[in-house]
Every structure is written in C-alpha cells, then in structure tokens.
Amino acid sequence: MKKPEYTLSYDMCVPVFCCFVAAFYFADALILLTSLFC
C-alpha cells in the first residue's frame, strides 16, 4: 500500500533540490563573471 505523504514529500523535495543546485551554480557563474569584468 502506497503512502501518499511519502510520494508528496518526494515530489516536493526533488524540484527544491534541483532549484538549490541551479541557484548555486548560477551564483558561482555570476561571481566568476564579476571577477572577470572587475
């Protein structure tokens, strides 16, 4: 028997993690660009 709470929390956790990783790489690229131009 499936638990709806588990699937809901899993479906919420994956996009949040992806957004966190994307934001981290975006900030890293932004720092690299500013260090190049400044």
N, C-alpha and C. Protein backbone atom coordinates (compact mmCIF):
# COMPACT_ATOMS: atom_id res chain seq x y z
N MET A 1 0.85 -1.19 0.00
CA MET A 1 0.00 0.00 0.00
C MET A 1 0.89 1.25 0.00
N LYS A 2 0.60 2.13 -0.94
CA LYS A 2 1.41 3.34 -1.06
C LYS A 2 1.02 4.38 -0.03
N LYS A 3 2.02 5.13 0.39
CA LYS A 3 1.75 6.23 1.32
C LYS A 3 1.74 7.54 0.53
N PRO A 4 0.62 8.24 0.51
CA PRO A 4 0.57 9.50 -0.24
C PRO A 4 1.48 10.57 0.33
N GLU A 5 1.72 10.53 1.66
CA GLU A 5 2.59 11.53 2.26
C GLU A 5 4.03 11.39 1.74
N TYR A 6 4.46 10.14 1.56
CA TYR A 6 5.82 9.90 1.10
C TYR A 6 6.00 10.41 -0.34
N THR A 7 5.04 10.07 -1.21
CA THR A 7 5.16 10.50 -2.60
C THR A 7 5.08 12.01 -2.70
N LEU A 8 4.23 12.64 -1.88
CA LEU A 8 4.09 14.09 -1.91
C LEU A 8 5.38 14.76 -1.46
N SER A 9 5.96 14.27 -0.37
CA SER A 9 7.19 14.87 0.13
C SER A 9 8.33 14.63 -0.86
N TYR A 10 8.34 13.47 -1.52
CA TYR A 10 9.38 13.17 -2.50
C TYR A 10 9.23 14.08 -3.72
N ASP A 11 7.99 14.28 -4.17
CA ASP A 11 7.76 15.14 -5.33
C ASP A 11 8.11 16.59 -5.02
N MET A 12 7.99 16.98 -3.75
CA MET A 12 8.33 18.35 -3.37
C MET A 12 9.83 18.49 -3.18
N CYS A 13 10.49 17.43 -2.75
CA CYS A 13 11.91 17.50 -2.40
C CYS A 13 12.79 17.60 -3.65
N VAL A 14 12.44 16.88 -4.69
CA VAL A 14 13.29 16.85 -5.89
C VAL A 14 13.37 18.21 -6.58
N PRO A 15 12.24 18.90 -6.87
CA PRO A 15 12.36 20.22 -7.51
C PRO A 15 13.08 21.24 -6.63
N VAL A 16 12.87 21.16 -5.32
CA VAL A 16 13.54 22.09 -4.41
C VAL A 16 15.05 21.87 -4.46
N PHE A 17 15.46 20.60 -4.49
CA PHE A 17 16.89 20.28 -4.56
C PHE A 17 17.48 20.75 -5.88
N CYS A 18 16.73 20.54 -6.98
CA CYS A 18 17.21 20.98 -8.29
C CYS A 18 17.35 22.49 -8.34
N CYS A 19 16.38 23.20 -7.76
CA CYS A 19 16.44 24.66 -7.74
C CYS A 19 17.62 25.13 -6.91
N PHE A 20 17.90 24.42 -5.81
CA PHE A 20 19.02 24.79 -4.95
C PHE A 20 20.34 24.63 -5.71
N VAL A 21 20.49 23.51 -6.42
CA VAL A 21 21.72 23.27 -7.19
C VAL A 21 21.85 24.29 -8.31
N ALA A 22 20.74 24.58 -9.00
CA ALA A 22 20.77 25.56 -10.10
C ALA A 22 21.15 26.94 -9.57
N ALA A 23 20.61 27.31 -8.41
CA ALA A 23 20.92 28.62 -7.83
C ALA A 23 22.39 28.68 -7.42
N PHE A 24 22.91 27.56 -6.91
CA PHE A 24 24.31 27.53 -6.50
C PHE A 24 25.23 27.73 -7.71
N TYR A 25 24.95 27.02 -8.81
CA TYR A 25 25.78 27.16 -10.00
C TYR A 25 25.62 28.55 -10.62
N PHE A 26 24.39 29.10 -10.55
CA PHE A 26 24.15 30.44 -11.09
C PHE A 26 24.95 31.47 -10.31
N ALA A 27 24.97 31.34 -8.99
CA ALA A 27 25.72 32.28 -8.16
C ALA A 27 27.22 32.13 -8.43
N ASP A 28 27.68 30.91 -8.62
CA ASP A 28 29.09 30.68 -8.89
C ASP A 28 29.49 31.31 -10.22
N ALA A 29 28.65 31.14 -11.24
CA ALA A 29 28.93 31.73 -12.55
C ALA A 29 28.90 33.25 -12.46
N LEU A 30 27.98 33.78 -11.67
CA LEU A 30 27.87 35.23 -11.51
C LEU A 30 29.13 35.80 -10.85
N ILE A 31 29.64 35.09 -9.85
CA ILE A 31 30.86 35.53 -9.17
C ILE A 31 32.05 35.47 -10.14
N LEU A 32 32.09 34.44 -10.96
CA LEU A 32 33.18 34.33 -11.93
C LEU A 32 33.12 35.46 -12.95
N LEU A 33 31.92 35.78 -13.41
CA LEU A 33 31.77 36.86 -14.40
C LEU A 33 32.16 38.20 -13.80
N THR A 34 31.72 38.47 -12.59
CA THR A 34 32.04 39.76 -11.97
C THR A 34 33.53 39.86 -11.68
N SER A 35 34.16 38.75 -11.33
CA SER A 35 35.60 38.78 -11.06
C SER A 35 36.38 38.99 -12.37
N LEU A 36 35.82 38.53 -13.48
CA LEU A 36 36.49 38.74 -14.76
C LEU A 36 36.37 40.19 -15.22
N PHE A 37 35.19 40.77 -15.04
CA PHE A 37 34.96 42.12 -15.55
C PHE A 37 35.48 43.20 -14.61
N CYS A 38 35.64 42.89 -13.34
CA CYS A 38 36.06 43.92 -12.39
C CYS A 38 37.58 43.92 -12.19
